[in-house]
Amino acid sequence: DTAWGGGLGDNGHFLFIGPIDQTSAFWSVSYLSETPCEPKHVGTMSEAKIEQVLLGAEQRLRPFGEPIPTLFKETLHSSIAVKQRQRHGAHHESWFSDFYR
């Protein structure tokens, strides 16, 4: 088994997608921010917060078009998390989730 994936970047926003099998993939959205988000573990967010995270990710990557909106629409909500920030000069935020289709 070989782990691989691909990325798209534009204007300080980055999407990484890595397939898990024929119908699912891991995805991660990263962006630069002066204001860090509070990390949230899988299973600790309300449905409203999950929708907010997905909407934010979709808005950041809107210039790429399909299949990005479908990726977020089909995401398994119970897999959403907000990752601990990593410092790279400015604050670097990441959101990540598994995508099941």
PDB file of N, CA and C in Angstrom:
ATOM      1  N   ASP A   1       0.830  -1.190   0.000  1.00  0.00           N
ATOM      2  CA  ASP A   1       0.000   0.000   0.000  1.00  0.00           C
ATOM      3  C   ASP A   1       0.871   1.249   0.000  1.00  0.00           C
ATOM      4  N   THR A   2       0.526   2.174  -0.842  1.00  0.00           N
ATOM      5  CA  THR A   2       1.252   3.436  -0.928  1.00  0.00           C
ATOM      6  C   THR A   2       0.318   4.567  -0.545  1.00  0.00           C
ATOM      7  N   ALA A   3       0.763   5.412   0.377  1.00  0.00           N
ATOM      8  CA  ALA A   3      -0.025   6.585   0.769  1.00  0.00           C
ATOM      9  C   ALA A   3       0.343   7.733  -0.156  1.00  0.00           C
ATOM     10  N   TRP A   4      -0.666   8.405  -0.700  1.00  0.00           N
ATOM     11  CA  TRP A   4      -0.415   9.532  -1.575  1.00  0.00           C
ATOM     12  C   TRP A   4      -1.622  10.460  -1.518  1.00  0.00           C
ATOM     13  N   GLY A   5      -1.494  11.588  -2.119  1.00  0.00           N
ATOM     14  CA  GLY A   5      -2.587  12.550  -2.176  1.00  0.00           C
ATOM     15  C   GLY A   5      -2.172  13.718  -3.043  1.00  0.00           C
ATOM     16  N   GLY A   6      -3.030  14.702  -3.093  1.00  0.00           N
ATOM     17  CA  GLY A   6      -2.746  15.872  -3.904  1.00  0.00           C
ATOM     18  C   GLY A   6      -3.203  17.126  -3.200  1.00  0.00           C
ATOM     19  N   GLY A   7      -2.695  18.251  -3.649  1.00  0.00           N
ATOM     20  CA  GLY A   7      -3.049  19.514  -3.008  1.00  0.00           C
ATOM     21  C   GLY A   7      -3.358  20.599  -4.017  1.00  0.00           C
ATOM     22  N   LEU A   8      -4.178  21.544  -3.567  1.00  0.00           N
ATOM     23  CA  LEU A   8      -4.503  22.754  -4.324  1.00  0.00           C
ATOM     24  C   LEU A   8      -4.265  23.937  -3.404  1.00  0.00           C
ATOM     25  N   GLY A   9      -3.713  25.006  -3.933  1.00  0.00           N
ATOM     26  CA  GLY A   9      -3.495  26.193  -3.126  1.00  0.00           C
ATOM     27  C   GLY A   9      -3.812  27.460  -3.893  1.00  0.00           C
ATOM     28  N   ASP A  10      -4.327  28.467  -3.176  1.00  0.00           N
ATOM     29  CA  ASP A  10      -4.625  29.751  -3.791  1.00  0.00           C
ATOM     30  C   ASP A  10      -4.808  30.799  -2.703  1.00  0.00           C
ATOM     31  N   ASN A  11      -4.103  31.914  -2.829  1.00  0.00           N
ATOM     32  CA  ASN A  11      -4.328  33.076  -1.979  1.00  0.00           C
ATOM     33  C   ASN A  11      -4.282  32.757  -0.477  1.00  0.00           C
ATOM     34  N   GLY A  12      -3.328  31.939  -0.068  1.00  0.00           N
ATOM     35  CA  GLY A  12      -3.176  31.621   1.353  1.00  0.00           C
ATOM     36  C   GLY A  12      -4.045  30.491   1.857  1.00  0.00           C
ATOM     37  N   HIS A  13      -4.779  29.818   0.976  1.00  0.00           N
ATOM     38  CA  HIS A  13      -5.629  28.697   1.338  1.00  0.00           C
ATOM     39  C   HIS A  13      -5.092  27.446   0.657  1.00  0.00           C
ATOM     40  N   PHE A  14      -5.153  26.313   1.368  1.00  0.00           N
ATOM     41  CA  PHE A  14      -4.597  25.082   0.828  1.00  0.00           C
ATOM     42  C   PHE A  14      -5.514  23.912   1.147  1.00  0.00           C
ATOM     43  N   LEU A  15      -5.732  23.048   0.173  1.00  0.00           N
ATOM     44  CA  LEU A  15      -6.516  21.834   0.347  1.00  0.00           C
ATOM     45  C   LEU A  15      -5.640  20.641   0.011  1.00  0.00           C
ATOM     46  N   PHE A  16      -5.591  19.668   0.914  1.00  0.00           N
ATOM     47  CA  PHE A  16      -4.932  18.390   0.658  1.00  0.00           C
ATOM     48  C   PHE A  16      -6.017  17.319   0.655  1.00  0.00           C
ATOM     49  N   ILE A  17      -5.986  16.437  -0.337  1.00  0.00           N
ATOM     50  CA  ILE A  17      -6.913  15.306  -0.400  1.00  0.00           C
ATOM     51  C   ILE A  17      -6.100  14.042  -0.617  1.00  0.00           C
ATOM     52  N   GLY A  18      -6.347  13.031   0.200  1.00  0.00           N
ATOM     53  CA  GLY A  18      -5.689  11.743   0.057  1.00  0.00           C
ATOM     54  C   GLY A  18      -6.718  10.623   0.084  1.00  0.00           C
ATOM     55  N   PRO A  19      -6.765   9.801  -0.952  1.00  0.00           N
ATOM     56  CA  PRO A  19      -7.746   8.713  -0.987  1.00  0.00           C
ATOM     57  C   PRO A  19      -7.476   7.665   0.089  1.00  0.00           C
ATOM     58  N   ILE A  20      -8.557   7.116   0.619  1.00  0.00           N
ATOM     59  CA  ILE A  20      -8.464   6.017   1.583  1.00  0.00           C
ATOM     60  C   ILE A  20      -8.787   4.701   0.884  1.00  0.00           C
ATOM     61  N   ASP A  21      -9.844   4.716   0.082  1.00  0.00           N
ATOM     62  CA  ASP A  21     -10.229   3.554  -0.726  1.00  0.00           C
ATOM     63  C   ASP A  21     -11.011   4.070  -1.936  1.00  0.00           C
ATOM     64  N   GLN A  22     -11.777   3.209  -2.593  1.00  0.00           N
ATOM     65  CA  GLN A  22     -12.497   3.589  -3.810  1.00  0.00           C
ATOM     66  C   GLN A  22     -13.574   4.644  -3.580  1.00  0.00           C
ATOM     67  N   THR A  23     -14.086   4.758  -2.357  1.00  0.00           N
ATOM     68  CA  THR A  23     -15.218   5.658  -2.112  1.00  0.00           C
ATOM     69  C   THR A  23     -14.983   6.677  -1.004  1.00  0.00           C
ATOM     70  N   SER A  24     -13.783   6.765  -0.472  1.00  0.00           N
ATOM     71  CA  SER A  24     -13.556   7.699   0.628  1.00  0.00           C
ATOM     72  C   SER A  24     -12.157   8.312   0.561  1.00  0.00           C
ATOM     73  N   ALA A  25     -12.025   9.463   1.219  1.00  0.00           N
ATOM     74  CA  ALA A  25     -10.749  10.176   1.208  1.00  0.00           C
ATOM     75  C   ALA A  25     -10.615  11.006   2.478  1.00  0.00           C
ATOM     76  N   PHE A  26      -9.392  11.285   2.851  1.00  0.00           N
ATOM     77  CA  PHE A  26      -9.057  12.219   3.925  1.00  0.00           C
ATOM     78  C   PHE A  26      -8.867  13.573   3.271  1.00  0.00           C
ATOM     79  N   TRP A  27      -9.345  14.645   3.923  1.00  0.00           N
ATOM     80  CA  TRP A  27      -9.062  15.979   3.395  1.00  0.00           C
ATOM     81  C   TRP A  27      -8.695  16.912   4.531  1.00  0.00           C
ATOM     82  N   SER A  28      -7.925  17.922   4.191  1.00  0.00           N
ATOM     83  CA  SER A  28      -7.470  18.909   5.156  1.00  0.00           C
ATOM     84  C   SER A  28      -7.434  20.271   4.482  1.00  0.00           C
ATOM     85  N   VAL A  29      -8.007  21.281   5.142  1.00  0.00           N
ATOM     86  CA  VAL A  29      -7.955  22.658   4.657  1.00  0.00           C
ATOM     87  C   VAL A  29      -7.086  23.442   5.626  1.00  0.00           C
ATOM     88  N   SER A  30      -6.104  24.153   5.097  1.00  0.00           N
ATOM     89  CA  SER A  30      -5.204  24.976   5.902  1.00  0.00           C
ATOM     90  C   SER A  30      -5.230  26.403   5.378  1.00  0.00           C
ATOM     91  N   TYR A  31      -4.988  27.342   6.272  1.00  0.00           N
ATOM     92  CA  TYR A  31      -4.956  28.744   5.859  1.00  0.00           C
ATOM     93  C   TYR A  31      -4.181  29.555   6.880  1.00  0.00           C
ATOM     94  N   LEU A  32      -3.707  30.710   6.453  1.00  0.00           N
ATOM     95  CA  LEU A  32      -3.002  31.624   7.345  1.00  0.00           C
ATOM     96  C   LEU A  32      -4.020  32.503   8.042  1.00  0.00           C
ATOM     97  N   SER A  33      -3.806  32.754   9.343  1.00  0.00           N
ATOM     98  CA  SER A  33      -4.743  33.566  10.105  1.00  0.00           C
ATOM     99  C   SER A  33      -4.018  34.249  11.254  1.00  0.00           C
ATOM    100  N   GLU A  34      -4.366  35.479  11.507  1.00  0.00           N
ATOM    101  CA  GLU A  34      -3.836  36.192  12.671  1.00  0.00           C
ATOM    102  C   GLU A  34      -4.521  35.738  13.950  1.00  0.00           C
ATOM    103  N   THR A  35      -5.757  35.225  13.827  1.00  0.00           N
ATOM    104  CA  THR A  35      -6.544  34.796  14.975  1.00  0.00           C
ATOM    105  C   THR A  35      -6.710  33.288  14.935  1.00  0.00           C
ATOM    106  N   PRO A  36      -6.048  32.552  15.828  1.00  0.00           N
ATOM    107  CA  PRO A  36      -6.145  31.093  15.791  1.00  0.00           C
ATOM    108  C   PRO A  36      -7.509  30.587  16.251  1.00  0.00           C
ATOM    109  N   CYS A  37      -7.943  29.478  15.661  1.00  0.00           N
ATOM    110  CA  CYS A  37      -9.157  28.799  16.097  1.00  0.00           C
ATOM    111  C   CYS A  37      -8.818  27.903  17.278  1.00  0.00           C
ATOM    112  N   GLU A  38      -9.801  27.692  18.133  1.00  0.00           N
ATOM    113  CA  GLU A  38      -9.615  26.761  19.244  1.00  0.00           C
ATOM    114  C   GLU A  38      -9.693  25.336  18.697  1.00  0.00           C
ATOM    115  N   PRO A  39      -8.699  24.491  19.006  1.00  0.00           N
ATOM    116  CA  PRO A  39      -8.742  23.109  18.527  1.00  0.00           C
ATOM    117  C   PRO A  39      -9.970  22.383  19.075  1.00  0.00           C
ATOM    118  N   LYS A  40     -10.569  21.547  18.248  1.00  0.00           N
ATOM    119  CA  LYS A  40     -11.727  20.740  18.628  1.00  0.00           C
ATOM    120  C   LYS A  40     -11.496  19.319  18.146  1.00  0.00           C
ATOM    121  N   HIS A  41     -11.623  18.359  19.053  1.00  0.00           N
ATOM    122  CA  HIS A  41     -11.439  16.960  18.708  1.00  0.00           C
ATOM    123  C   HIS A  41     -12.680  16.411  18.012  1.00  0.00           C
ATOM    124  N   VAL A  42     -12.496  15.332  17.279  1.00  0.00           N
ATOM    125  CA  VAL A  42     -13.605  14.647  16.628  1.00  0.00           C
ATOM    126  C   VAL A  42     -14.659  14.299  17.680  1.00  0.00           C
ATOM    127  N   GLY A  43     -15.921  14.575  17.350  1.00  0.00           N
ATOM    128  CA  GLY A  43     -17.022  14.218  18.242  1.00  0.00           C
ATOM    129  C   GLY A  43     -17.324  15.215  19.336  1.00  0.00           C
ATOM    130  N   THR A  44     -16.646  16.376  19.354  1.00  0.00           N
ATOM    131  CA  THR A  44     -16.857  17.342  20.436  1.00  0.00           C
ATOM    132  C   THR A  44     -17.595  18.597  19.990  1.00  0.00           C
ATOM    133  N   MET A  45     -17.935  18.699  18.707  1.00  0.00           N
ATOM    134  CA  MET A  45     -18.597  19.903  18.206  1.00  0.00           C
ATOM    135  C   MET A  45     -20.085  19.664  17.983  1.00  0.00           C
ATOM    136  N   SER A  46     -20.862  20.713  18.184  1.00  0.00           N
ATOM    137  CA  SER A  46     -22.289  20.653  17.870  1.00  0.00           C
ATOM    138  C   SER A  46     -22.470  20.600  16.358  1.00  0.00           C
ATOM    139  N   GLU A  47     -23.663  20.214  15.933  1.00  0.00           N
ATOM    140  CA  GLU A  47     -23.959  20.185  14.500  1.00  0.00           C
ATOM    141  C   GLU A  47     -23.833  21.588  13.899  1.00  0.00           C
ATOM    142  N   ALA A  48     -24.227  22.609  14.653  1.00  0.00           N
ATOM    143  CA  ALA A  48     -24.117  23.993  14.167  1.00  0.00           C
ATOM    144  C   ALA A  48     -22.661  24.386  13.953  1.00  0.00           C
ATOM    145  N   LYS A  49     -21.769  23.983  14.861  1.00  0.00           N
ATOM    146  CA  LYS A  49     -20.345  24.290  14.723  1.00  0.00           C
ATOM    147  C   LYS A  49     -19.749  23.531  13.543  1.00  0.00           C
ATOM    148  N   ILE A  50     -20.149  22.288  13.368  1.00  0.00           N
ATOM    149  CA  ILE A  50     -19.669  21.505  12.228  1.00  0.00           C
ATOM    150  C   ILE A  50     -20.072  22.175  10.920  1.00  0.00           C
ATOM    151  N   GLU A  51     -21.321  22.618  10.828  1.00  0.00           N
ATOM    152  CA  GLU A  51     -21.786  23.320   9.629  1.00  0.00           C
ATOM    153  C   GLU A  51     -20.982  24.596   9.403  1.00  0.00           C
ATOM    154  N   GLN A  52     -20.651  25.299  10.484  1.00  0.00           N
ATOM    155  CA  GLN A  52     -19.840  26.523  10.389  1.00  0.00           C
ATOM    156  C   GLN A  52     -18.444  26.208   9.851  1.00  0.00           C
ATOM    157  N   VAL A  53     -17.831  25.142  10.332  1.00  0.00           N
ATOM    158  CA  VAL A  53     -16.504  24.732   9.869  1.00  0.00           C
ATOM    159  C   VAL A  53     -16.548  24.368   8.383  1.00  0.00           C
ATOM    160  N   LEU A  54     -17.549  23.576   7.987  1.00  0.00           N
ATOM    161  CA  LEU A  54     -17.668  23.176   6.581  1.00  0.00           C
ATOM    162  C   LEU A  54     -17.939  24.372   5.678  1.00  0.00           C
ATOM    163  N   LEU A  55     -18.790  25.296   6.113  1.00  0.00           N
ATOM    164  CA  LEU A  55     -19.073  26.489   5.322  1.00  0.00           C
ATOM    165  C   LEU A  55     -17.814  27.339   5.170  1.00  0.00           C
ATOM    166  N   GLY A  56     -17.051  27.488   6.259  1.00  0.00           N
ATOM    167  CA  GLY A  56     -15.803  28.245   6.192  1.00  0.00           C
ATOM    168  C   GLY A  56     -14.807  27.625   5.230  1.00  0.00           C
ATOM    169  N   ALA A  57     -14.698  26.304   5.272  1.00  0.00           N
ATOM    170  CA  ALA A  57     -13.792  25.604   4.361  1.00  0.00           C
ATOM    171  C   ALA A  57     -14.241  25.779   2.915  1.00  0.00           C
ATOM    172  N   GLU A  58     -15.543  25.637   2.675  1.00  0.00           N
ATOM    173  CA  GLU A  58     -16.058  25.785   1.314  1.00  0.00           C
ATOM    174  C   GLU A  58     -15.851  27.207   0.792  1.00  0.00           C
ATOM    175  N   GLN A  59     -16.090  28.203   1.630  1.00  0.00           N
ATOM    176  CA  GLN A  59     -15.907  29.592   1.202  1.00  0.00           C
ATOM    177  C   GLN A  59     -14.451  29.884   0.858  1.00  0.00           C
ATOM    178  N   ARG A  60     -13.524  29.344   1.636  1.00  0.00           N
ATOM    179  CA  ARG A  60     -12.104  29.569   1.369  1.00  0.00           C
ATOM    180  C   ARG A  60     -11.666  28.957   0.039  1.00  0.00           C
ATOM    181  N   LEU A  61     -12.317  27.855  -0.354  1.00  0.00           N
ATOM    182  CA  LEU A  61     -11.903  27.129  -1.561  1.00  0.00           C
ATOM    183  C   LEU A  61     -12.879  27.294  -2.722  1.00  0.00           C
ATOM    184  N   ARG A  62     -13.798  28.223  -2.604  1.00  0.00           N
ATOM    185  CA  ARG A  62     -14.803  28.452  -3.650  1.00  0.00           C
ATOM    186  C   ARG A  62     -14.198  28.653  -5.042  1.00  0.00           C
ATOM    187  N   PRO A  63     -13.047  29.336  -5.180  1.00  0.00           N
ATOM    188  CA  PRO A  63     -12.493  29.530  -6.538  1.00  0.00           C
ATOM    189  C   PRO A  63     -12.202  28.232  -7.288  1.00  0.00           C
ATOM    190  N   PHE A  64     -12.043  27.120  -6.589  1.00  0.00           N
ATOM    191  CA  PHE A  64     -11.716  25.862  -7.260  1.00  0.00           C
ATOM    192  C   PHE A  64     -12.932  25.168  -7.864  1.00  0.00           C
ATOM    193  N   GLY A  65     -14.143  25.469  -7.413  1.00  0.00           N
ATOM    194  CA  GLY A  65     -15.350  24.839  -7.960  1.00  0.00           C
ATOM    195  C   GLY A  65     -15.428  23.352  -7.645  1.00  0.00           C
ATOM    196  N   GLU A  66     -16.231  22.658  -8.412  1.00  0.00           N
ATOM    197  CA  GLU A  66     -16.413  21.207  -8.210  1.00  0.00           C
ATOM    198  C   GLU A  66     -15.116  20.464  -8.490  1.00  0.00           C
ATOM    199  N   PRO A  67     -14.870  19.411  -7.742  1.00  0.00           N
ATOM    200  CA  PRO A  67     -15.747  18.689  -6.830  1.00  0.00           C
ATOM    201  C   PRO A  67     -15.658  19.143  -5.372  1.00  0.00           C
ATOM    202  N   ILE A  68     -15.051  20.301  -5.113  1.00  0.00           N
ATOM    203  CA  ILE A  68     -14.840  20.746  -3.728  1.00  0.00           C
ATOM    204  C   ILE A  68     -16.158  20.902  -2.958  1.00  0.00           C
ATOM    205  N   PRO A  69     -17.175  21.600  -3.478  1.00  0.00           N
ATOM    206  CA  PRO A  69     -18.436  21.701  -2.720  1.00  0.00           C
ATOM    207  C   PRO A  69     -19.055  20.332  -2.418  1.00  0.00           C
ATOM    208  N   THR A  70     -18.963  19.405  -3.366  1.00  0.00           N
ATOM    209  CA  THR A  70     -19.488  18.064  -3.137  1.00  0.00           C
ATOM    210  C   THR A  70     -18.683  17.348  -2.058  1.00  0.00           C
ATOM    211  N   LEU A  71     -17.392  17.521  -2.060  1.00  0.00           N
ATOM    212  CA  LEU A  71     -16.540  16.933  -1.020  1.00  0.00           C
ATOM    213  C   LEU A  71     -17.025  17.333   0.362  1.00  0.00           C
ATOM    214  N   PHE A  72     -17.277  18.628   0.563  1.00  0.00           N
ATOM    215  CA  PHE A  72     -17.722  19.106   1.872  1.00  0.00           C
ATOM    216  C   PHE A  72     -19.150  18.664   2.179  1.00  0.00           C
ATOM    217  N   LYS A  73     -20.013  18.658   1.161  1.00  0.00           N
ATOM    218  CA  LYS A  73     -21.399  18.236   1.348  1.00  0.00           C
ATOM    219  C   LYS A  73     -21.486  16.774   1.776  1.00  0.00           C
ATOM    220  N   GLU A  74     -20.614  15.937   1.241  1.00  0.00           N
ATOM    221  CA  GLU A  74     -20.648  14.496   1.506  1.00  0.00           C
ATOM    222  C   GLU A  74     -19.786  14.072   2.702  1.00  0.00           C
ATOM    223  N   THR A  75     -19.195  15.018   3.387  1.00  0.00           N
ATOM    224  CA  THR A  75     -18.324  14.698   4.525  1.00  0.00           C
ATOM    225  C   THR A  75     -19.117  14.103   5.685  1.00  0.00           C
ATOM    226  N   LEU A  76     -18.573  13.082   6.268  1.00  0.00           N
ATOM    227  CA  LEU A  76     -19.154  12.461   7.454  1.00  0.00           C
ATOM    228  C   LEU A  76     -18.974  13.428   8.633  1.00  0.00           C
ATOM    229  N   HIS A  77     -20.067  14.011   9.109  1.00  0.00           N
ATOM    230  CA  HIS A  77     -19.992  15.050  10.142  1.00  0.00           C
ATOM    231  C   HIS A  77     -19.329  14.572  11.433  1.00  0.00           C
ATOM    232  N   SER A  78     -19.458  13.309  11.756  1.00  0.00           N
ATOM    233  CA  SER A  78     -18.861  12.794  12.992  1.00  0.00           C
ATOM    234  C   SER A  78     -17.336  12.715  12.912  1.00  0.00           C
ATOM    235  N   SER A  79     -16.761  13.013  11.733  1.00  0.00           N
ATOM    236  CA  SER A  79     -15.302  12.944  11.579  1.00  0.00           C
ATOM    237  C   SER A  79     -14.627  14.318  11.590  1.00  0.00           C
ATOM    238  N   ILE A  80     -15.399  15.390  11.696  1.00  0.00           N
ATOM    239  CA  ILE A  80     -14.855  16.754  11.630  1.00  0.00           C
ATOM    240  C   ILE A  80     -14.076  17.092  12.906  1.00  0.00           C
ATOM    241  N   ALA A  81     -12.941  17.738  12.721  1.00  0.00           N
ATOM    242  CA  ALA A  81     -12.129  18.235  13.834  1.00  0.00           C
ATOM    243  C   ALA A  81     -11.458  19.534  13.399  1.00  0.00           C
ATOM    244  N   VAL A  82     -11.062  20.342  14.360  1.00  0.00           N
ATOM    245  CA  VAL A  82     -10.236  21.523  14.096  1.00  0.00           C
ATOM    246  C   VAL A  82      -8.894  21.226  14.729  1.00  0.00           C
ATOM    247  N   LYS A  83      -7.881  21.166  13.895  1.00  0.00           N
ATOM    248  CA  LYS A  83      -6.544  20.742  14.306  1.00  0.00           C
ATOM    249  C   LYS A  83      -5.822  21.837  15.109  1.00  0.00           C
ATOM    250  N   GLN A  84      -4.971  21.395  15.996  1.00  0.00           N
ATOM    251  CA  GLN A  84      -4.086  22.304  16.727  1.00  0.00           C
ATOM    252  C   GLN A  84      -3.268  23.119  15.738  1.00  0.00           C
ATOM    253  N   ARG A  85      -3.186  24.403  15.953  1.00  0.00           N
ATOM    254  CA  ARG A  85      -2.453  25.244  15.007  1.00  0.00           C
ATOM    255  C   ARG A  85      -0.959  24.924  15.020  1.00  0.00           C
ATOM    256  N   GLN A  86      -0.344  25.219  13.911  1.00  0.00           N
ATOM    257  CA  GLN A  86       1.105  25.102  13.772  1.00  0.00           C
ATOM    258  C   GLN A  86       1.620  26.487  13.459  1.00  0.00           C
ATOM    259  N   ARG A  87       2.700  26.873  14.047  1.00  0.00           N
ATOM    260  CA  ARG A  87       3.232  28.212  13.823  1.00  0.00           C
ATOM    261  C   ARG A  87       4.250  28.198  12.686  1.00  0.00           C
ATOM    262  N   HIS A  88       3.992  29.050  11.698  1.00  0.00           N
ATOM    263  CA  HIS A  88       4.880  29.246  10.552  1.00  0.00           C
ATOM    264  C   HIS A  88       4.919  30.736  10.269  1.00  0.00           C
ATOM    265  N   GLY A  89       5.509  31.517  11.151  1.00  0.00           N
ATOM    266  CA  GLY A  89       5.464  32.974  11.006  1.00  0.00           C
ATOM    267  C   GLY A  89       4.117  33.447  11.495  1.00  0.00           C
ATOM    268  N   ALA A  90       3.189  33.709  10.571  1.00  0.00           N
ATOM    269  CA  ALA A  90       1.809  34.011  10.952  1.00  0.00           C
ATOM    270  C   ALA A  90       1.177  32.713  11.450  1.00  0.00           C
ATOM    271  N   HIS A  91       0.086  32.825  12.174  1.00  0.00           N
ATOM    272  CA  HIS A  91      -0.601  31.618  12.644  1.00  0.00           C
ATOM    273  C   HIS A  91      -1.061  30.807  11.443  1.00  0.00           C
ATOM    274  N   HIS A  92      -0.949  29.510  11.551  1.00  0.00           N
ATOM    275  CA  HIS A  92      -1.338  28.600  10.472  1.00  0.00           C
ATOM    276  C   HIS A  92      -2.426  27.697  11.023  1.00  0.00           C
ATOM    277  N   GLU A  93      -3.623  27.809  10.503  1.00  0.00           N
ATOM    278  CA  GLU A  93      -4.751  27.028  10.993  1.00  0.00           C
ATOM    279  C   GLU A  93      -5.037  25.866  10.067  1.00  0.00           C
ATOM    280  N   SER A  94      -5.544  24.784  10.616  1.00  0.00           N
ATOM    281  CA  SER A  94      -5.929  23.639   9.806  1.00  0.00           C
ATOM    282  C   SER A  94      -7.259  23.084  10.274  1.00  0.00           C
ATOM    283  N   TRP A  95      -8.070  22.680   9.348  1.00  0.00           N
ATOM    284  CA  TRP A  95      -9.266  21.890   9.623  1.00  0.00           C
ATOM    285  C   TRP A  95      -9.070  20.586   8.902  1.00  0.00           C
ATOM    286  N   PHE A  96      -9.592  19.508   9.455  1.00  0.00           N
ATOM    287  CA  PHE A  96      -9.472  18.263   8.712  1.00  0.00           C
ATOM    288  C   PHE A  96     -10.645  17.345   8.997  1.00  0.00           C
ATOM    289  N   SER A  97     -10.854  16.423   8.119  1.00  0.00           N
ATOM    290  CA  SER A  97     -11.953  15.477   8.251  1.00  0.00           C
ATOM    291  C   SER A  97     -11.745  14.302   7.315  1.00  0.00           C
ATOM    292  N   ASP A  98     -12.532  13.289   7.506  1.00  0.00           N
ATOM    293  CA  ASP A  98     -12.636  12.205   6.540  1.00  0.00           C
ATOM    294  C   ASP A  98     -13.851  12.480   5.668  1.00  0.00           C
ATOM    295  N   PHE A  99     -13.796  12.034   4.446  1.00  0.00           N
ATOM    296  CA  PHE A  99     -14.886  12.213   3.493  1.00  0.00           C
ATOM    297  C   PHE A  99     -15.335  10.832   3.049  1.00  0.00           C
ATOM    298  N   TYR A 100     -16.602  10.530   3.232  1.00  0.00           N
ATOM    299  CA  TYR A 100     -17.150   9.247   2.794  1.00  0.00           C
ATOM    300  C   TYR A 100     -18.243   9.497   1.780  1.00  0.00           C
ATOM    301  N   ARG A 101     -18.180   8.795   0.697  1.00  0.00           N
ATOM    302  CA  ARG A 101     -19.160   8.993  -0.376  1.00  0.00           C
ATOM    303  C   ARG A 101     -19.870   7.709  -0.706  1.00  0.00           C
TER     304      ARG A 101
END
